[in-house]
Amino acid sequence: MKQPRLHPEILTVLSNYSNRTELEDFLLDLLTPNEIVEIGNRWELIKLLVDGVPQRDIAKQLGISLGKISRGARELKYGHDGFKKALQFILTQSKTNPA
């Protein structure tokens, strides 16, 4: 199956937001409440996988299927390195701007 591509205009819009509130407003308009939850869960499961948390523990903690967790693990290992780059960005930000 051919890998779907993201809509180029959406990528342009997302990459040009410098105001966090405006970006949040756009995403709240674009995504359904379920999609927002799914994206949050996917991000959390990736962080837990990187931290070495067993998949079954992640499933219990987040209330998601092992299939979704396996997909996340596969993307971490064989994906486009997007998760790794995003996690590195977050780590760098937390070091330069501690809470």
PDB file of N, CA and C in Angstrom:
ATOM      1  N   MET A   1       0.828  -1.176   0.000  1.00  0.00           N
ATOM      2  CA  MET A   1       0.000   0.000   0.000  1.00  0.00           C
ATOM      3  C   MET A   1       0.880   1.251   0.000  1.00  0.00           C
ATOM      4  N   LYS A   2       0.513   2.208  -0.829  1.00  0.00           N
ATOM      5  CA  LYS A   2       1.274   3.444  -0.930  1.00  0.00           C
ATOM      6  C   LYS A   2       1.107   4.275   0.344  1.00  0.00           C
ATOM      7  N   GLN A   3       2.205   4.812   0.818  1.00  0.00           N
ATOM      8  CA  GLN A   3       2.189   5.650   2.018  1.00  0.00           C
ATOM      9  C   GLN A   3       1.412   6.933   1.724  1.00  0.00           C
ATOM     10  N   PRO A   4       0.366   7.224   2.511  1.00  0.00           N
ATOM     11  CA  PRO A   4      -0.363   8.480   2.282  1.00  0.00           C
ATOM     12  C   PRO A   4       0.522   9.676   2.626  1.00  0.00           C
ATOM     13  N   ARG A   5       0.317  10.744   1.897  1.00  0.00           N
ATOM     14  CA  ARG A   5       1.075  11.967   2.136  1.00  0.00           C
ATOM     15  C   ARG A   5       0.179  12.990   2.830  1.00  0.00           C
ATOM     16  N   LEU A   6       0.760  13.785   3.664  1.00  0.00           N
ATOM     17  CA  LEU A   6       0.014  14.837   4.337  1.00  0.00           C
ATOM     18  C   LEU A   6      -0.289  15.959   3.350  1.00  0.00           C
ATOM     19  N   HIS A   7      -1.404  16.601   3.542  1.00  0.00           N
ATOM     20  CA  HIS A   7      -1.813  17.686   2.660  1.00  0.00           C
ATOM     21  C   HIS A   7      -0.780  18.815   2.744  1.00  0.00           C
ATOM     22  N   PRO A   8      -0.217  19.244   1.605  1.00  0.00           N
ATOM     23  CA  PRO A   8       0.853  20.245   1.642  1.00  0.00           C
ATOM     24  C   PRO A   8       0.437  21.576   2.271  1.00  0.00           C
ATOM     25  N   GLU A   9      -0.806  21.993   2.066  1.00  0.00           N
ATOM     26  CA  GLU A   9      -1.235  23.261   2.658  1.00  0.00           C
ATOM     27  C   GLU A   9      -1.309  23.164   4.184  1.00  0.00           C
ATOM     28  N   ILE A  10      -1.725  22.011   4.685  1.00  0.00           N
ATOM     29  CA  ILE A  10      -1.772  21.833   6.141  1.00  0.00           C
ATOM     30  C   ILE A  10      -0.357  21.870   6.713  1.00  0.00           C
ATOM     31  N   LEU A  11       0.591  21.235   6.025  1.00  0.00           N
ATOM     32  CA  LEU A  11       1.983  21.286   6.481  1.00  0.00           C
ATOM     33  C   LEU A  11       2.500  22.721   6.488  1.00  0.00           C
ATOM     34  N   THR A  12       2.156  23.479   5.465  1.00  0.00           N
ATOM     35  CA  THR A  12       2.577  24.880   5.396  1.00  0.00           C
ATOM     36  C   THR A  12       1.995  25.671   6.557  1.00  0.00           C
ATOM     37  N   VAL A  13       0.710  25.489   6.803  1.00  0.00           N
ATOM     38  CA  VAL A  13       0.057  26.204   7.906  1.00  0.00           C
ATOM     39  C   VAL A  13       0.713  25.834   9.234  1.00  0.00           C
ATOM     40  N   LEU A  14       0.883  24.543   9.492  1.00  0.00           N
ATOM     41  CA  LEU A  14       1.465  24.098  10.763  1.00  0.00           C
ATOM     42  C   LEU A  14       2.885  24.623  10.956  1.00  0.00           C
ATOM     43  N   SER A  15       3.656  24.647   9.897  1.00  0.00           N
ATOM     44  CA  SER A  15       5.055  25.060  10.023  1.00  0.00           C
ATOM     45  C   SER A  15       5.215  26.568  10.184  1.00  0.00           C
ATOM     46  N   ASN A  16       4.161  27.319   9.926  1.00  0.00           N
ATOM     47  CA  ASN A  16       4.275  28.775  10.003  1.00  0.00           C
ATOM     48  C   ASN A  16       3.665  29.391  11.252  1.00  0.00           C
ATOM     49  N   TYR A  17       3.064  28.589  12.108  1.00  0.00           N
ATOM     50  CA  TYR A  17       2.524  29.132  13.352  1.00  0.00           C
ATOM     51  C   TYR A  17       3.665  29.421  14.313  1.00  0.00           C
ATOM     52  N   SER A  18       3.697  30.637  14.831  1.00  0.00           N
ATOM     53  CA  SER A  18       4.669  30.954  15.878  1.00  0.00           C
ATOM     54  C   SER A  18       3.953  31.199  17.208  1.00  0.00           C
ATOM     55  N   ASN A  19       2.640  31.322  17.144  1.00  0.00           N
ATOM     56  CA  ASN A  19       1.835  31.558  18.331  1.00  0.00           C
ATOM     57  C   ASN A  19       1.170  30.248  18.745  1.00  0.00           C
ATOM     58  N   ARG A  20       1.505  29.779  19.920  1.00  0.00           N
ATOM     59  CA  ARG A  20       1.005  28.485  20.402  1.00  0.00           C
ATOM     60  C   ARG A  20      -0.517  28.454  20.523  1.00  0.00           C
ATOM     61  N   THR A  21      -1.114  29.543  20.972  1.00  0.00           N
ATOM     62  CA  THR A  21      -2.571  29.599  21.128  1.00  0.00           C
ATOM     63  C   THR A  21      -3.272  29.496  19.778  1.00  0.00           C
ATOM     64  N   GLU A  22      -2.745  30.193  18.768  1.00  0.00           N
ATOM     65  CA  GLU A  22      -3.334  30.117  17.430  1.00  0.00           C
ATOM     66  C   GLU A  22      -3.196  28.712  16.851  1.00  0.00           C
ATOM     67  N   LEU A  23      -2.057  28.073  17.081  1.00  0.00           N
ATOM     68  CA  LEU A  23      -1.863  26.700  16.619  1.00  0.00           C
ATOM     69  C   LEU A  23      -2.852  25.772  17.306  1.00  0.00           C
ATOM     70  N   GLU A  24      -3.012  25.934  18.604  1.00  0.00           N
ATOM     71  CA  GLU A  24      -3.969  25.106  19.339  1.00  0.00           C
ATOM     72  C   GLU A  24      -5.387  25.316  18.805  1.00  0.00           C
ATOM     73  N   ASP A  25      -5.764  26.570  18.548  1.00  0.00           N
ATOM     74  CA  ASP A  25      -7.095  26.857  17.997  1.00  0.00           C
ATOM     75  C   ASP A  25      -7.295  26.159  16.655  1.00  0.00           C
ATOM     76  N   PHE A  26      -6.271  26.203  15.796  1.00  0.00           N
ATOM     77  CA  PHE A  26      -6.357  25.546  14.492  1.00  0.00           C
ATOM     78  C   PHE A  26      -6.552  24.041  14.661  1.00  0.00           C
ATOM     79  N   LEU A  27      -5.749  23.427  15.526  1.00  0.00           N
ATOM     80  CA  LEU A  27      -5.851  21.979  15.725  1.00  0.00           C
ATOM     81  C   LEU A  27      -7.187  21.588  16.346  1.00  0.00           C
ATOM     82  N   LEU A  28      -7.702  22.407  17.254  1.00  0.00           N
ATOM     83  CA  LEU A  28      -9.014  22.122  17.846  1.00  0.00           C
ATOM     84  C   LEU A  28     -10.121  22.193  16.797  1.00  0.00           C
ATOM     85  N   ASP A  29      -9.974  23.087  15.830  1.00  0.00           N
ATOM     86  CA  ASP A  29     -10.945  23.171  14.737  1.00  0.00           C
ATOM     87  C   ASP A  29     -10.776  22.022  13.745  1.00  0.00           C
ATOM     88  N   LEU A  30      -9.541  21.623  13.506  1.00  0.00           N
ATOM     89  CA  LEU A  30      -9.241  20.603  12.502  1.00  0.00           C
ATOM     90  C   LEU A  30      -9.601  19.193  12.966  1.00  0.00           C
ATOM     91  N   LEU A  31      -9.315  18.888  14.228  1.00  0.00           N
ATOM     92  CA  LEU A  31      -9.432  17.522  14.738  1.00  0.00           C
ATOM     93  C   LEU A  31     -10.702  17.331  15.560  1.00  0.00           C
ATOM     94  N   THR A  32     -11.206  16.102  15.539  1.00  0.00           N
ATOM     95  CA  THR A  32     -12.331  15.757  16.402  1.00  0.00           C
ATOM     96  C   THR A  32     -11.803  15.521  17.821  1.00  0.00           C
ATOM     97  N   PRO A  33     -12.672  15.552  18.829  1.00  0.00           N
ATOM     98  CA  PRO A  33     -12.212  15.244  20.187  1.00  0.00           C
ATOM     99  C   PRO A  33     -11.522  13.876  20.275  1.00  0.00           C
ATOM    100  N   ASN A  34     -12.056  12.875  19.571  1.00  0.00           N
ATOM    101  CA  ASN A  34     -11.424  11.547  19.570  1.00  0.00           C
ATOM    102  C   ASN A  34     -10.031  11.588  18.962  1.00  0.00           C
ATOM    103  N   GLU A  35      -9.869  12.323  17.863  1.00  0.00           N
ATOM    104  CA  GLU A  35      -8.559  12.424  17.220  1.00  0.00           C
ATOM    105  C   GLU A  35      -7.551  13.103  18.143  1.00  0.00           C
ATOM    106  N   ILE A  36      -8.007  14.093  18.890  1.00  0.00           N
ATOM    107  CA  ILE A  36      -7.128  14.779  19.841  1.00  0.00           C
ATOM    108  C   ILE A  36      -6.648  13.804  20.914  1.00  0.00           C
ATOM    109  N   VAL A  37      -7.564  12.991  21.435  1.00  0.00           N
ATOM    110  CA  VAL A  37      -7.203  11.979  22.438  1.00  0.00           C
ATOM    111  C   VAL A  37      -6.245  10.955  21.834  1.00  0.00           C
ATOM    112  N   GLU A  38      -6.538  10.488  20.619  1.00  0.00           N
ATOM    113  CA  GLU A  38      -5.691   9.485  19.957  1.00  0.00           C
ATOM    114  C   GLU A  38      -4.268  10.004  19.748  1.00  0.00           C
ATOM    115  N   ILE A  39      -4.152  11.243  19.306  1.00  0.00           N
ATOM    116  CA  ILE A  39      -2.824  11.822  19.088  1.00  0.00           C
ATOM    117  C   ILE A  39      -2.073  11.925  20.416  1.00  0.00           C
ATOM    118  N   GLY A  40      -2.761  12.370  21.457  1.00  0.00           N
ATOM    119  CA  GLY A  40      -2.132  12.450  22.777  1.00  0.00           C
ATOM    120  C   GLY A  40      -1.675  11.091  23.274  1.00  0.00           C
ATOM    121  N   ASN A  41      -2.520  10.075  23.094  1.00  0.00           N
ATOM    122  CA  ASN A  41      -2.150   8.715  23.502  1.00  0.00           C
ATOM    123  C   ASN A  41      -0.963   8.200  22.704  1.00  0.00           C
ATOM    124  N   ARG A  42      -0.949   8.492  21.410  1.00  0.00           N
ATOM    125  CA  ARG A  42       0.171   8.020  20.584  1.00  0.00           C
ATOM    126  C   ARG A  42       1.470   8.652  21.066  1.00  0.00           C
ATOM    127  N   TRP A  43       1.432   9.946  21.355  1.00  0.00           N
ATOM    128  CA  TRP A  43       2.635  10.627  21.841  1.00  0.00           C
ATOM    129  C   TRP A  43       3.091  10.034  23.174  1.00  0.00           C
ATOM    130  N   GLU A  44       2.160   9.811  24.091  1.00  0.00           N
ATOM    131  CA  GLU A  44       2.507   9.240  25.392  1.00  0.00           C
ATOM    132  C   GLU A  44       3.082   7.840  25.244  1.00  0.00           C
ATOM    133  N   LEU A  45       2.508   7.026  24.362  1.00  0.00           N
ATOM    134  CA  LEU A  45       3.023   5.658  24.211  1.00  0.00           C
ATOM    135  C   LEU A  45       4.426   5.666  23.629  1.00  0.00           C
ATOM    136  N   ILE A  46       4.713   6.598  22.733  1.00  0.00           N
ATOM    137  CA  ILE A  46       6.066   6.691  22.177  1.00  0.00           C
ATOM    138  C   ILE A  46       7.059   7.043  23.286  1.00  0.00           C
ATOM    139  N   LYS A  47       6.718   8.008  24.117  1.00  0.00           N
ATOM    140  CA  LYS A  47       7.614   8.378  25.222  1.00  0.00           C
ATOM    141  C   LYS A  47       7.831   7.201  26.164  1.00  0.00           C
ATOM    142  N   LEU A  48       6.769   6.457  26.451  1.00  0.00           N
ATOM    143  CA  LEU A  48       6.894   5.299  27.342  1.00  0.00           C
ATOM    144  C   LEU A  48       7.749   4.203  26.709  1.00  0.00           C
ATOM    145  N   LEU A  49       7.583   3.974  25.407  1.00  0.00           N
ATOM    146  CA  LEU A  49       8.416   2.984  24.715  1.00  0.00           C
ATOM    147  C   LEU A  49       9.888   3.378  24.780  1.00  0.00           C
ATOM    148  N   VAL A  50      10.174   4.641  24.530  1.00  0.00           N
ATOM    149  CA  VAL A  50      11.558   5.121  24.583  1.00  0.00           C
ATOM    150  C   VAL A  50      12.127   4.968  25.988  1.00  0.00           C
ATOM    151  N   ASP A  51      11.283   5.134  26.996  1.00  0.00           N
ATOM    152  CA  ASP A  51      11.717   4.966  28.390  1.00  0.00           C
ATOM    153  C   ASP A  51      11.852   3.501  28.793  1.00  0.00           C
ATOM    154  N   GLY A  52      11.512   2.579  27.876  1.00  0.00           N
ATOM    155  CA  GLY A  52      11.678   1.160  28.151  1.00  0.00           C
ATOM    156  C   GLY A  52      10.529   0.502  28.891  1.00  0.00           C
ATOM    157  N   VAL A  53       9.386   1.161  28.951  1.00  0.00           N
ATOM    158  CA  VAL A  53       8.225   0.581  29.632  1.00  0.00           C
ATOM    159  C   VAL A  53       7.687  -0.572  28.779  1.00  0.00           C
ATOM    160  N   PRO A  54       7.428  -1.741  29.376  1.00  0.00           N
ATOM    161  CA  PRO A  54       6.891  -2.875  28.616  1.00  0.00           C
ATOM    162  C   PRO A  54       5.541  -2.533  27.966  1.00  0.00           C
ATOM    163  N   GLN A  55       5.322  -3.104  26.783  1.00  0.00           N
ATOM    164  CA  GLN A  55       4.113  -2.808  26.021  1.00  0.00           C
ATOM    165  C   GLN A  55       2.840  -3.125  26.792  1.00  0.00           C
ATOM    166  N   ARG A  56       2.817  -4.219  27.510  1.00  0.00           N
ATOM    167  CA  ARG A  56       1.606  -4.565  28.272  1.00  0.00           C
ATOM    168  C   ARG A  56       1.321  -3.531  29.365  1.00  0.00           C
ATOM    169  N   ASP A  57       2.369  -3.001  29.974  1.00  0.00           N
ATOM    170  CA  ASP A  57       2.183  -1.956  30.988  1.00  0.00           C
ATOM    171  C   ASP A  57       1.642  -0.674  30.352  1.00  0.00           C
ATOM    172  N   ILE A  58       2.132  -0.361  29.160  1.00  0.00           N
ATOM    173  CA  ILE A  58       1.641   0.817  28.439  1.00  0.00           C
ATOM    174  C   ILE A  58       0.163   0.645  28.116  1.00  0.00           C
ATOM    175  N   ALA A  59      -0.204  -0.558  27.664  1.00  0.00           N
ATOM    176  CA  ALA A  59      -1.609  -0.835  27.325  1.00  0.00           C
ATOM    177  C   ALA A  59      -2.504  -0.604  28.536  1.00  0.00           C
ATOM    178  N   LYS A  60      -2.079  -1.088  29.686  1.00  0.00           N
ATOM    179  CA  LYS A  60      -2.869  -0.902  30.911  1.00  0.00           C
ATOM    180  C   LYS A  60      -2.914   0.570  31.322  1.00  0.00           C
ATOM    181  N   GLN A  61      -1.771   1.212  31.273  1.00  0.00           N
ATOM    182  CA  GLN A  61      -1.669   2.603  31.721  1.00  0.00           C
ATOM    183  C   GLN A  61      -2.503   3.547  30.851  1.00  0.00           C
ATOM    184  N   LEU A  62      -2.447   3.367  29.533  1.00  0.00           N
ATOM    185  CA  LEU A  62      -3.136   4.284  28.621  1.00  0.00           C
ATOM    186  C   LEU A  62      -4.495   3.769  28.157  1.00  0.00           C
ATOM    187  N   GLY A  63      -4.780   2.498  28.440  1.00  0.00           N
ATOM    188  CA  GLY A  63      -6.053   1.924  28.007  1.00  0.00           C
ATOM    189  C   GLY A  63      -6.158   1.786  26.502  1.00  0.00           C
ATOM    190  N   ILE A  64      -5.046   1.409  25.866  1.00  0.00           N
ATOM    191  CA  ILE A  64      -5.036   1.235  24.411  1.00  0.00           C
ATOM    192  C   ILE A  64      -4.582  -0.174  24.065  1.00  0.00           C
ATOM    193  N   SER A  65      -4.841  -0.568  22.835  1.00  0.00           N
ATOM    194  CA  SER A  65      -4.555  -1.941  22.415  1.00  0.00           C
ATOM    195  C   SER A  65      -3.062  -2.165  22.184  1.00  0.00           C
ATOM    196  N   LEU A  66      -2.673  -3.427  22.311  1.00  0.00           N
ATOM    197  CA  LEU A  66      -1.291  -3.802  22.011  1.00  0.00           C
ATOM    198  C   LEU A  66      -0.966  -3.552  20.546  1.00  0.00           C
ATOM    199  N   GLY A  67      -1.970  -3.655  19.675  1.00  0.00           N
ATOM    200  CA  GLY A  67      -1.758  -3.384  18.251  1.00  0.00           C
ATOM    201  C   GLY A  67      -1.298  -1.955  18.010  1.00  0.00           C
ATOM    202  N   LYS A  68      -1.926  -1.011  18.690  1.00  0.00           N
ATOM    203  CA  LYS A  68      -1.528   0.393  18.541  1.00  0.00           C
ATOM    204  C   LYS A  68      -0.127   0.616  19.092  1.00  0.00           C
ATOM    205  N   ILE A  69       0.181  -0.065  20.170  1.00  0.00           N
ATOM    206  CA  ILE A  69       1.509   0.072  20.764  1.00  0.00           C
ATOM    207  C   ILE A  69       2.557  -0.553  19.853  1.00  0.00           C
ATOM    208  N   SER A  70       2.242  -1.698  19.266  1.00  0.00           N
ATOM    209  CA  SER A  70       3.163  -2.343  18.325  1.00  0.00           C
ATOM    210  C   SER A  70       3.414  -1.454  17.116  1.00  0.00           C
ATOM    211  N   ARG A  71       2.362  -0.779  16.651  1.00  0.00           N
ATOM    212  CA  ARG A  71       2.521   0.132  15.521  1.00  0.00           C
ATOM    213  C   ARG A  71       3.472   1.263  15.905  1.00  0.00           C
ATOM    214  N   GLY A  72       3.306   1.811  17.105  1.00  0.00           N
ATOM    215  CA  GLY A  72       4.203   2.870  17.565  1.00  0.00           C
ATOM    216  C   GLY A  72       5.644   2.390  17.655  1.00  0.00           C
ATOM    217  N   ALA A  73       5.835   1.179  18.162  1.00  0.00           N
ATOM    218  CA  ALA A  73       7.183   0.611  18.260  1.00  0.00           C
ATOM    219  C   ALA A  73       7.792   0.426  16.877  1.00  0.00           C
ATOM    220  N   ARG A  74       6.972  -0.009  15.934  1.00  0.00           N
ATOM    221  CA  ARG A  74       7.433  -0.195  14.551  1.00  0.00           C
ATOM    222  C   ARG A  74       7.840   1.151  13.939  1.00  0.00           C
ATOM    223  N   GLU A  75       7.049   2.187  14.180  1.00  0.00           N
ATOM    224  CA  GLU A  75       7.379   3.517  13.654  1.00  0.00           C
ATOM    225  C   GLU A  75       8.674   4.041  14.275  1.00  0.00           C
ATOM    226  N   LEU A  76       8.865   3.784  15.557  1.00  0.00           N
ATOM    227  CA  LEU A  76      10.119   4.196  16.200  1.00  0.00           C
ATOM    228  C   LEU A  76      11.319   3.516  15.551  1.00  0.00           C
ATOM    229  N   LYS A  77      11.153   2.247  15.234  1.00  0.00           N
ATOM    230  CA  LYS A  77      12.266   1.469  14.691  1.00  0.00           C
ATOM    231  C   LYS A  77      12.470   1.682  13.196  1.00  0.00           C
ATOM    232  N   TYR A  78      11.373   1.722  12.425  1.00  0.00           N
ATOM    233  CA  TYR A  78      11.489   1.735  10.964  1.00  0.00           C
ATOM    234  C   TYR A  78      10.912   2.986  10.296  1.00  0.00           C
ATOM    235  N   GLY A  79      10.385   3.915  11.080  1.00  0.00           N
ATOM    236  CA  GLY A  79       9.712   5.084  10.514  1.00  0.00           C
ATOM    237  C   GLY A  79      10.682   6.102   9.933  1.00  0.00           C
ATOM    238  N   HIS A  80      10.203   7.318   9.813  1.00  0.00           N
ATOM    239  CA  HIS A  80      10.967   8.398   9.193  1.00  0.00           C
ATOM    240  C   HIS A  80      11.783   9.199  10.206  1.00  0.00           C
ATOM    241  N   ASP A  81      11.924   8.689  11.400  1.00  0.00           N
ATOM    242  CA  ASP A  81      12.651   9.334  12.500  1.00  0.00           C
ATOM    243  C   ASP A  81      11.958  10.592  13.024  1.00  0.00           C
ATOM    244  N   GLY A  82      10.707  10.796  12.646  1.00  0.00           N
ATOM    245  CA  GLY A  82       9.967  11.959  13.121  1.00  0.00           C
ATOM    246  C   GLY A  82       9.779  11.962  14.625  1.00  0.00           C
ATOM    247  N   PHE A  83       9.451  10.797  15.184  1.00  0.00           N
ATOM    248  CA  PHE A  83       9.285  10.716  16.640  1.00  0.00           C
ATOM    249  C   PHE A  83      10.606  11.011  17.343  1.00  0.00           C
ATOM    250  N   LYS A  84      11.683  10.436  16.840  1.00  0.00           N
ATOM    251  CA  LYS A  84      12.993  10.636  17.469  1.00  0.00           C
ATOM    252  C   LYS A  84      13.393  12.106  17.438  1.00  0.00           C
ATOM    253  N   LYS A  85      13.168  12.761  16.306  1.00  0.00           N
ATOM    254  CA  LYS A  85      13.512  14.182  16.188  1.00  0.00           C
ATOM    255  C   LYS A  85      12.647  15.026  17.119  1.00  0.00           C
ATOM    256  N   ALA A  86      11.370  14.707  17.197  1.00  0.00           N
ATOM    257  CA  ALA A  86      10.462  15.462  18.070  1.00  0.00           C
ATOM    258  C   ALA A  86      10.845  15.272  19.534  1.00  0.00           C
ATOM    259  N   LEU A  87      11.164  14.049  19.916  1.00  0.00           N
ATOM    260  CA  LEU A  87      11.576  13.792  21.297  1.00  0.00           C
ATOM    261  C   LEU A  87      12.878  14.513  21.626  1.00  0.00           C
ATOM    262  N   GLN A  88      13.806  14.526  20.680  1.00  0.00           N
ATOM    263  CA  GLN A  88      15.067  15.245  20.891  1.00  0.00           C
ATOM    264  C   GLN A  88      14.806  16.740  21.052  1.00  0.00           C
ATOM    265  N   PHE A  89      13.876  17.273  20.254  1.00  0.00           N
ATOM    266  CA  PHE A  89      13.505  18.685  20.366  1.00  0.00           C
ATOM    267  C   PHE A  89      12.939  18.985  21.752  1.00  0.00           C
ATOM    268  N   ILE A  90      12.030  18.135  22.214  1.00  0.00           N
ATOM    269  CA  ILE A  90      11.426  18.328  23.539  1.00  0.00           C
ATOM    270  C   ILE A  90      12.495  18.255  24.628  1.00  0.00           C
ATOM    271  N   LEU A  91      13.407  17.303  24.516  1.00  0.00           N
ATOM    272  CA  LEU A  91      14.487  17.162  25.494  1.00  0.00           C
ATOM    273  C   LEU A  91      15.360  18.414  25.508  1.00  0.00           C
ATOM    274  N   THR A  92      15.708  18.912  24.335  1.00  0.00           N
ATOM    275  CA  THR A  92      16.521  20.121  24.229  1.00  0.00           C
ATOM    276  C   THR A  92      15.799  21.316  24.835  1.00  0.00           C
ATOM    277  N   GLN A  93      14.501  21.434  24.541  1.00  0.00           N
ATOM    278  CA  GLN A  93      13.706  22.539  25.084  1.00  0.00           C
ATOM    279  C   GLN A  93      13.643  22.476  26.609  1.00  0.00           C
ATOM    280  N   SER A  94      13.491  21.273  27.151  1.00  0.00           N
ATOM    281  CA  SER A  94      13.381  21.152  28.610  1.00  0.00           C
ATOM    282  C   SER A  94      14.705  21.484  29.296  1.00  0.00           C
ATOM    283  N   LYS A  95      15.820  21.272  28.593  1.00  0.00           N
ATOM    284  CA  LYS A  95      17.125  21.617  29.168  1.00  0.00           C
ATOM    285  C   LYS A  95      17.374  23.120  29.108  1.00  0.00           C
ATOM    286  N   THR A  96      16.915  23.771  28.030  1.00  0.00           N
ATOM    287  CA  THR A  96      17.148  25.206  27.885  1.00  0.00           C
ATOM    288  C   THR A  96      16.087  26.039  28.593  1.00  0.00           C
ATOM    289  N   ASN A  97      14.895  25.461  28.787  1.00  0.00           N
ATOM    290  CA  ASN A  97      13.797  26.163  29.461  1.00  0.00           C
ATOM    291  C   ASN A  97      13.206  25.284  30.557  1.00  0.00           C
ATOM    292  N   PRO A  98      13.961  25.019  31.634  1.00  0.00           N
ATOM    293  CA  PRO A  98      13.426  24.131  32.675  1.00  0.00           C
ATOM    294  C   PRO A  98      12.169  24.727  33.311  1.00  0.00           C
ATOM    295  N   ALA A  99      11.271  23.836  33.705  1.00  0.00           N
ATOM    296  CA  ALA A  99       9.989  24.277  34.295  1.00  0.00           C
ATOM    297  C   ALA A  99      10.172  24.904  35.645  1.00  0.00           C
TER     298      ALA A  99
END
